[in-house]
Amino acid sequence: MILAGAAATGIGLLVVFWGFAMPARASAARPIEERISYYGVRPEVEAGDDLEGSLLDRLLTPQVERLRAATARWTPSGHHERLSRDLALAGNPLHLTATDFVVVRAAAAVVAAVMGAVIGGWIAGSLVLALVGAVTLAGAVWLGSEVWLRSAVRGRREEVSRALPNALDFMVVAMQAGMQFEGALARVVEKSRNPLTDELAKMQAEVDLGRPRQEALEALARRLGVDEVSRFVQTVVSAAQMGVPMVDALRVQAEEARWRRRDRVRTLGAEAPIKMTIPMVLFIFPTLWIILLGPSLLEIMGHGI
């Protein structure tokens, strides 16, 4: 009963903190509001808008904003910038901002500490073990959130690297058929759905809103943080500045991207036997020994040698 109560309390606290850190974002996804947010313009609040919504929303929303403002104020600027950059590289999972990530991370650590203290005190009835359990679970959750974020960044970069050669090939074929660079880019976005095309669509939307293409391409390279994309951006910018035919530059870039992808696959294939050694030693070999020697050991233990 004590363990079930601790788990229920922890889950309830986590849900409450998650609700504080994750205000409603559905309306922010609308195109008009995205443009307003991009240009830093906020719509005027009309009279009576503050009375819209349920009583719970009107009571919680100010508290949520105060909590997020306090978290942003007390978070070191360098740590906040690093989290913002990592979340952008990960594709803003769950639409988390740096402040939201800090709040959810701290809330999860607090919940884990409470559960660890209750479990440790219930199992051993000792204050020391309760403190050890609280610190252990809180540290595991804190480090686990960092590992999750790093894994999200690494996974998204791998998806972008895999998608780039196909996108470049498609653009080369489209431009050889008579399309301009913008038209070929639009066709790639239309025909494919992956993190790379999502960022390309965002970049094209920025260009349509009036942002210079070179600046939008450089922002794309910074958001993705992938070397192949940075080389692609540099190739496009250099070709536009020097007057080199874009299709020839992209063809060379596509061949280089395919070569790099093949080299990466060969490297991963060569590393596979080494990585398989650890699970074989830890799990497969002991199981084989148990199967082969288990009956003999039982016979020896029962009847002697």
Protein backbone atom coordinates (compact mmCIF):
# COMPACT_ATOMS: atom_id res chain seq x y z
CA MET A 1 0.00 0.00 0.00
CA ILE A 2 2.79 2.41 0.87
CA LEU A 3 4.56 1.74 -2.43
CA ALA A 4 1.33 2.21 -4.41
CA GLY A 5 0.60 5.45 -2.57
CA ALA A 6 4.09 6.76 -3.27
CA ALA A 7 3.78 5.91 -6.95
CA ALA A 8 0.36 7.58 -7.19
CA THR A 9 1.64 10.69 -5.40
CA GLY A 10 4.68 10.91 -7.65
CA ILE A 11 2.65 10.52 -10.82
CA GLY A 12 0.19 13.15 -9.64
CA LEU A 13 2.96 15.65 -8.87
CA LEU A 14 4.57 15.03 -12.23
CA VAL A 15 1.27 15.61 -14.04
CA VAL A 16 0.71 18.86 -12.15
CA PHE A 17 4.20 20.17 -12.87
CA TRP A 18 3.90 19.08 -16.51
CA GLY A 19 0.67 21.04 -16.78
CA PHE A 20 2.42 24.09 -15.34
CA ALA A 21 5.34 23.81 -17.74
CA MET A 22 3.31 22.97 -20.85
CA PRO A 23 0.63 25.59 -21.46
CA ALA A 24 -1.67 25.15 -24.41
CA ARG A 25 0.23 25.53 -27.67
CA ALA A 26 -2.33 24.43 -30.23
CA SER A 27 -3.09 27.96 -31.36
CA ALA A 28 0.63 28.75 -31.83
CA ALA A 29 0.78 26.35 -34.74
CA ARG A 30 -1.50 28.45 -36.92
CA PRO A 31 0.30 30.12 -39.86
CA ILE A 32 -0.83 33.67 -39.06
CA GLU A 33 0.34 33.45 -35.46
CA GLU A 34 3.64 31.92 -36.60
CA ARG A 35 4.23 34.95 -38.81
CA ILE A 36 3.32 37.30 -35.97
CA SER A 37 5.73 35.48 -33.66
CA TYR A 38 8.48 35.59 -36.29
CA TYR A 39 8.27 39.36 -36.64
CA GLY A 40 7.99 39.89 -32.88
CA VAL A 41 4.52 41.50 -33.06
CA ARG A 42 1.92 40.63 -30.46
CA PRO A 43 -1.78 41.09 -31.19
CA GLU A 44 -3.60 43.57 -29.03
CA VAL A 45 -5.76 42.10 -26.28
CA GLU A 46 -9.33 43.17 -26.71
CA ALA A 47 -11.56 44.02 -23.81
CA GLY A 48 -13.14 40.93 -22.36
CA ASP A 49 -10.49 38.48 -23.69
CA ASP A 50 -9.15 38.00 -20.16
CA LEU A 51 -12.56 36.58 -19.18
CA GLU A 52 -12.49 33.86 -21.84
CA GLY A 53 -11.79 30.29 -20.85
CA SER A 54 -12.70 28.30 -17.79
CA LEU A 55 -12.17 29.44 -14.21
CA LEU A 56 -9.39 26.89 -13.80
CA ASP A 57 -7.54 28.28 -16.82
CA ARG A 58 -7.86 31.85 -15.57
CA LEU A 59 -6.54 30.85 -12.15
CA LEU A 60 -3.68 28.65 -13.36
CA THR A 61 -2.43 30.66 -16.34
CA PRO A 62 -0.98 33.55 -14.28
CA GLN A 63 0.70 31.07 -11.92
CA VAL A 64 2.15 29.15 -14.85
CA GLU A 65 3.57 32.33 -16.35
CA ARG A 66 5.08 33.35 -12.99
CA LEU A 67 6.66 29.92 -12.60
CA ARG A 68 8.14 30.02 -16.10
CA ALA A 69 9.38 33.59 -15.61
CA ALA A 70 11.03 32.69 -12.30
CA THR A 71 12.67 29.63 -13.87
CA ALA A 72 13.99 31.69 -16.79
CA ARG A 73 15.29 34.34 -14.38
CA TRP A 74 17.15 31.89 -12.13
CA THR A 75 18.57 29.73 -14.94
CA PRO A 76 22.13 30.79 -15.91
CA SER A 77 22.21 32.41 -19.33
CA GLY A 78 24.88 30.06 -20.65
CA HIS A 79 22.91 26.98 -19.58
CA HIS A 80 19.72 28.44 -21.05
CA GLU A 81 21.42 29.11 -24.39
CA ARG A 82 22.90 25.62 -24.49
CA LEU A 83 19.52 24.03 -23.78
CA SER A 84 17.87 26.20 -26.44
CA ARG A 85 20.50 25.16 -28.98
CA ASP A 86 20.21 21.46 -28.08
CA LEU A 87 16.41 21.54 -28.23
CA ALA A 88 16.58 23.24 -31.63
CA LEU A 89 19.01 20.57 -32.84
CA ALA A 90 16.62 17.91 -31.54
CA GLY A 91 13.73 19.48 -33.45
CA ASN A 92 12.01 20.97 -30.38
CA PRO A 93 10.53 17.65 -29.12
CA LEU A 94 7.10 18.05 -27.50
CA HIS A 95 7.39 21.77 -28.38
CA LEU A 96 9.56 22.28 -25.30
CA THR A 97 11.40 25.52 -24.75
CA ALA A 98 14.51 25.72 -22.59
CA THR A 99 12.45 27.04 -19.68
CA ASP A 100 9.89 24.24 -20.06
CA PHE A 101 12.65 21.65 -20.14
CA VAL A 102 14.19 22.98 -16.92
CA VAL A 103 10.80 23.03 -15.16
CA VAL A 104 9.85 19.50 -16.26
CA ARG A 105 13.33 18.21 -15.44
CA ALA A 106 13.26 19.70 -11.93
CA ALA A 107 9.71 18.49 -11.33
CA ALA A 108 10.59 14.96 -12.41
CA ALA A 109 13.66 15.00 -10.14
CA VAL A 110 11.54 16.16 -7.18
CA VAL A 111 8.97 13.43 -7.83
CA ALA A 112 11.72 10.82 -8.14
CA ALA A 113 13.30 12.05 -4.89
CA VAL A 114 9.98 11.71 -3.05
CA MET A 115 9.40 8.22 -4.43
CA GLY A 116 12.97 7.18 -3.63
CA ALA A 117 12.68 8.44 -0.06
CA VAL A 118 9.35 6.66 0.48
CA ILE A 119 10.57 3.40 -1.06
CA GLY A 120 13.87 3.48 0.83
CA GLY A 121 12.16 4.22 4.14
CA TRP A 122 9.50 1.58 3.54
CA ILE A 123 11.93 -1.21 2.62
CA ALA A 124 14.53 -0.66 5.34
CA GLY A 125 12.86 1.75 7.72
CA SER A 126 16.08 3.78 7.84
CA LEU A 127 16.51 7.51 7.32
CA VAL A 128 19.91 6.97 5.69
CA LEU A 129 18.52 4.56 3.09
CA ALA A 130 15.62 6.91 2.47
CA LEU A 131 18.07 9.73 1.71
CA VAL A 132 20.16 7.41 -0.46
CA GLY A 133 17.07 6.33 -2.39
CA ALA A 134 15.95 9.93 -2.88
CA VAL A 135 19.35 11.09 -4.13
CA THR A 136 19.79 8.04 -6.36
CA LEU A 137 16.43 8.30 -8.10
CA ALA A 138 16.61 12.08 -8.43
CA GLY A 139 20.11 11.86 -9.93
CA ALA A 140 19.03 9.10 -12.29
CA VAL A 141 16.09 11.16 -13.55
CA TRP A 142 18.24 14.30 -13.88
CA LEU A 143 20.95 12.50 -15.85
CA GLY A 144 18.36 10.52 -17.80
CA SER A 145 16.76 13.69 -19.12
CA GLU A 146 20.17 14.84 -20.38
CA VAL A 147 20.78 11.46 -22.01
CA TRP A 148 17.33 11.62 -23.63
CA LEU A 149 18.04 15.07 -25.07
CA ARG A 150 21.45 14.02 -26.41
CA SER A 151 19.91 10.91 -27.94
CA ALA A 152 17.20 13.01 -29.62
CA VAL A 153 19.85 15.32 -31.09
CA ARG A 154 21.93 12.42 -32.35
CA GLY A 155 18.93 10.60 -33.82
CA ARG A 156 17.69 13.68 -35.67
CA ARG A 157 21.13 14.35 -37.11
CA GLU A 158 21.31 10.78 -38.38
CA GLU A 159 17.89 11.10 -40.02
CA VAL A 160 18.94 14.33 -41.73
CA SER A 161 22.21 12.76 -42.95
CA ARG A 162 20.33 9.79 -44.41
CA ALA A 163 17.75 11.98 -46.13
CA LEU A 164 20.16 14.51 -47.68
CA PRO A 165 21.55 12.42 -50.60
CA ASN A 166 18.06 11.49 -51.83
CA ALA A 167 16.91 15.10 -51.54
CA LEU A 168 19.91 16.33 -53.53
CA ASP A 169 19.36 13.70 -56.24
CA PHE A 170 15.71 14.73 -56.51
CA MET A 171 16.69 18.40 -56.79
CA VAL A 172 19.29 17.65 -59.47
CA VAL A 173 16.74 15.71 -61.56
CA ALA A 174 14.13 18.45 -61.15
CA MET A 175 16.57 21.20 -62.14
CA GLN A 176 17.76 19.22 -65.15
CA ALA A 177 14.10 19.04 -66.18
CA GLY A 178 13.97 22.85 -66.27
CA MET A 179 12.98 23.88 -62.76
CA GLN A 180 14.64 26.66 -60.82
CA PHE A 181 16.23 26.07 -57.42
CA GLU A 182 13.14 27.27 -55.52
CA GLY A 183 10.81 25.05 -57.56
CA ALA A 184 13.03 21.99 -57.08
CA LEU A 185 13.19 22.71 -53.36
CA ALA A 186 9.40 22.95 -53.20
CA ARG A 187 9.03 19.62 -55.00
CA VAL A 188 11.37 17.93 -52.52
CA VAL A 189 9.34 19.29 -49.62
CA GLU A 190 6.12 18.17 -51.30
CA LYS A 191 7.24 14.61 -52.09
CA SER A 192 9.14 13.75 -48.88
CA ARG A 193 8.39 13.93 -45.18
CA ASN A 194 11.36 13.84 -42.80
CA PRO A 195 13.24 16.25 -40.48
CA LEU A 196 15.27 17.62 -43.40
CA THR A 197 12.24 18.49 -45.52
CA ASP A 198 10.51 19.98 -42.46
CA GLU A 199 13.43 22.37 -41.99
CA LEU A 200 13.58 23.08 -45.73
CA ALA A 201 9.89 23.98 -45.66
CA LYS A 202 10.51 26.32 -42.72
CA MET A 203 13.41 27.90 -44.58
CA GLN A 204 11.32 28.39 -47.71
CA ALA A 205 8.53 29.97 -45.65
CA GLU A 206 11.04 32.44 -44.22
CA VAL A 207 12.18 33.33 -47.75
CA ASP A 208 8.56 33.80 -48.84
CA LEU A 209 8.10 36.22 -45.94
CA GLY A 210 11.00 38.35 -47.18
CA ARG A 211 14.06 36.96 -45.46
CA PRO A 212 17.15 36.85 -47.73
CA ARG A 213 17.77 33.35 -49.05
CA GLN A 214 21.41 33.31 -47.97
CA GLU A 215 20.46 34.28 -44.43
CA ALA A 216 17.69 31.66 -44.34
CA LEU A 217 20.09 28.96 -45.59
CA GLU A 218 22.67 29.84 -42.95
CA ALA A 219 19.97 29.70 -40.27
CA LEU A 220 18.99 26.27 -41.61
CA ALA A 221 22.55 25.00 -41.21
CA ARG A 222 22.72 26.33 -37.64
CA ARG A 223 19.39 24.71 -36.67
CA LEU A 224 20.37 21.28 -37.99
CA GLY A 225 24.03 21.25 -36.97
CA VAL A 226 24.93 18.61 -39.59
CA ASP A 227 28.20 18.90 -41.51
CA GLU A 228 26.65 17.67 -44.77
CA VAL A 229 23.93 20.31 -44.61
CA SER A 230 26.52 23.01 -43.87
CA ARG A 231 28.45 21.95 -46.98
CA PHE A 232 25.22 21.97 -49.00
CA VAL A 233 24.44 25.51 -47.82
CA GLN A 234 27.98 26.66 -48.58
CA THR A 235 27.74 25.12 -52.07
CA VAL A 236 24.44 26.86 -52.84
CA VAL A 237 25.65 30.23 -51.53
CA SER A 238 28.97 30.01 -53.39
CA ALA A 239 27.29 28.98 -56.64
CA ALA A 240 24.88 31.90 -56.40
CA GLN A 241 27.66 34.40 -55.68
CA MET A 242 30.07 33.19 -58.39
CA GLY A 243 27.48 32.49 -61.08
CA VAL A 244 28.23 28.76 -61.30
CA PRO A 245 25.33 26.65 -62.64
CA MET A 246 23.45 25.47 -59.59
CA VAL A 247 22.64 22.04 -61.02
CA ASP A 248 26.33 21.21 -61.56
CA ALA A 249 27.22 22.26 -58.02
CA LEU A 250 24.37 20.20 -56.58
CA ARG A 251 25.35 17.16 -58.65
CA VAL A 252 28.83 17.21 -57.16
CA GLN A 253 27.34 17.70 -53.70
CA ALA A 254 24.98 14.75 -54.20
CA GLU A 255 27.83 12.45 -55.26
CA GLU A 256 29.86 13.50 -52.22
CA ALA A 257 26.87 12.93 -49.92
CA ARG A 258 26.30 9.42 -51.32
CA TRP A 259 29.98 8.62 -50.89
CA ARG A 260 29.91 9.77 -47.28
CA ARG A 261 26.78 7.72 -46.60
CA ARG A 262 28.39 4.58 -48.03
CA ASP A 263 31.51 5.22 -45.96
CA ARG A 264 29.38 5.64 -42.81
CA VAL A 265 27.57 2.36 -43.51
CA ARG A 266 30.89 0.53 -43.98
CA THR A 267 32.17 1.97 -40.71
CA LEU A 268 29.06 0.87 -38.82
CA GLY A 269 29.31 -2.58 -40.37
CA ALA A 270 32.94 -2.91 -39.27
CA GLU A 271 32.02 -1.85 -35.72
CA ALA A 272 29.16 -4.36 -35.41
CA PRO A 273 31.27 -7.43 -34.42
CA ILE A 274 33.02 -5.43 -31.71
CA LYS A 275 29.73 -4.14 -30.31
CA MET A 276 28.26 -7.66 -30.32
CA THR A 277 31.05 -8.94 -28.07
CA ILE A 278 29.68 -7.34 -24.90
CA PRO A 279 26.13 -8.81 -25.07
CA MET A 280 27.55 -12.17 -26.10
CA VAL A 281 29.86 -12.31 -23.09
CA LEU A 282 27.24 -11.03 -20.65
CA PHE A 283 24.13 -12.89 -21.83
CA ILE A 284 24.74 -15.57 -24.45
CA PHE A 285 27.79 -17.39 -23.05
CA PRO A 286 26.41 -17.72 -19.47
CA THR A 287 23.17 -19.11 -20.89
CA LEU A 288 25.07 -21.69 -22.96
CA TRP A 289 27.10 -22.75 -19.94
CA ILE A 290 23.93 -23.16 -17.87
CA ILE A 291 22.28 -25.26 -20.58
CA LEU A 292 25.35 -27.44 -21.17
CA LEU A 293 26.60 -27.88 -17.61
CA GLY A 294 23.33 -27.46 -15.67
CA PRO A 295 22.20 -31.13 -15.85
CA SER A 296 25.68 -32.35 -14.91
CA LEU A 297 25.89 -30.01 -11.93
CA LEU A 298 22.45 -31.12 -10.70
CA GLU A 299 23.53 -34.74 -11.03
CA ILE A 300 26.74 -34.11 -9.11
CA MET A 301 24.90 -32.18 -6.37
CA GLY A 302 22.34 -34.97 -5.98
CA HIS A 303 24.48 -38.10 -6.13
CA GLY A 304 28.05 -36.91 -5.81
CA ILE A 305 30.91 -37.48 -8.19
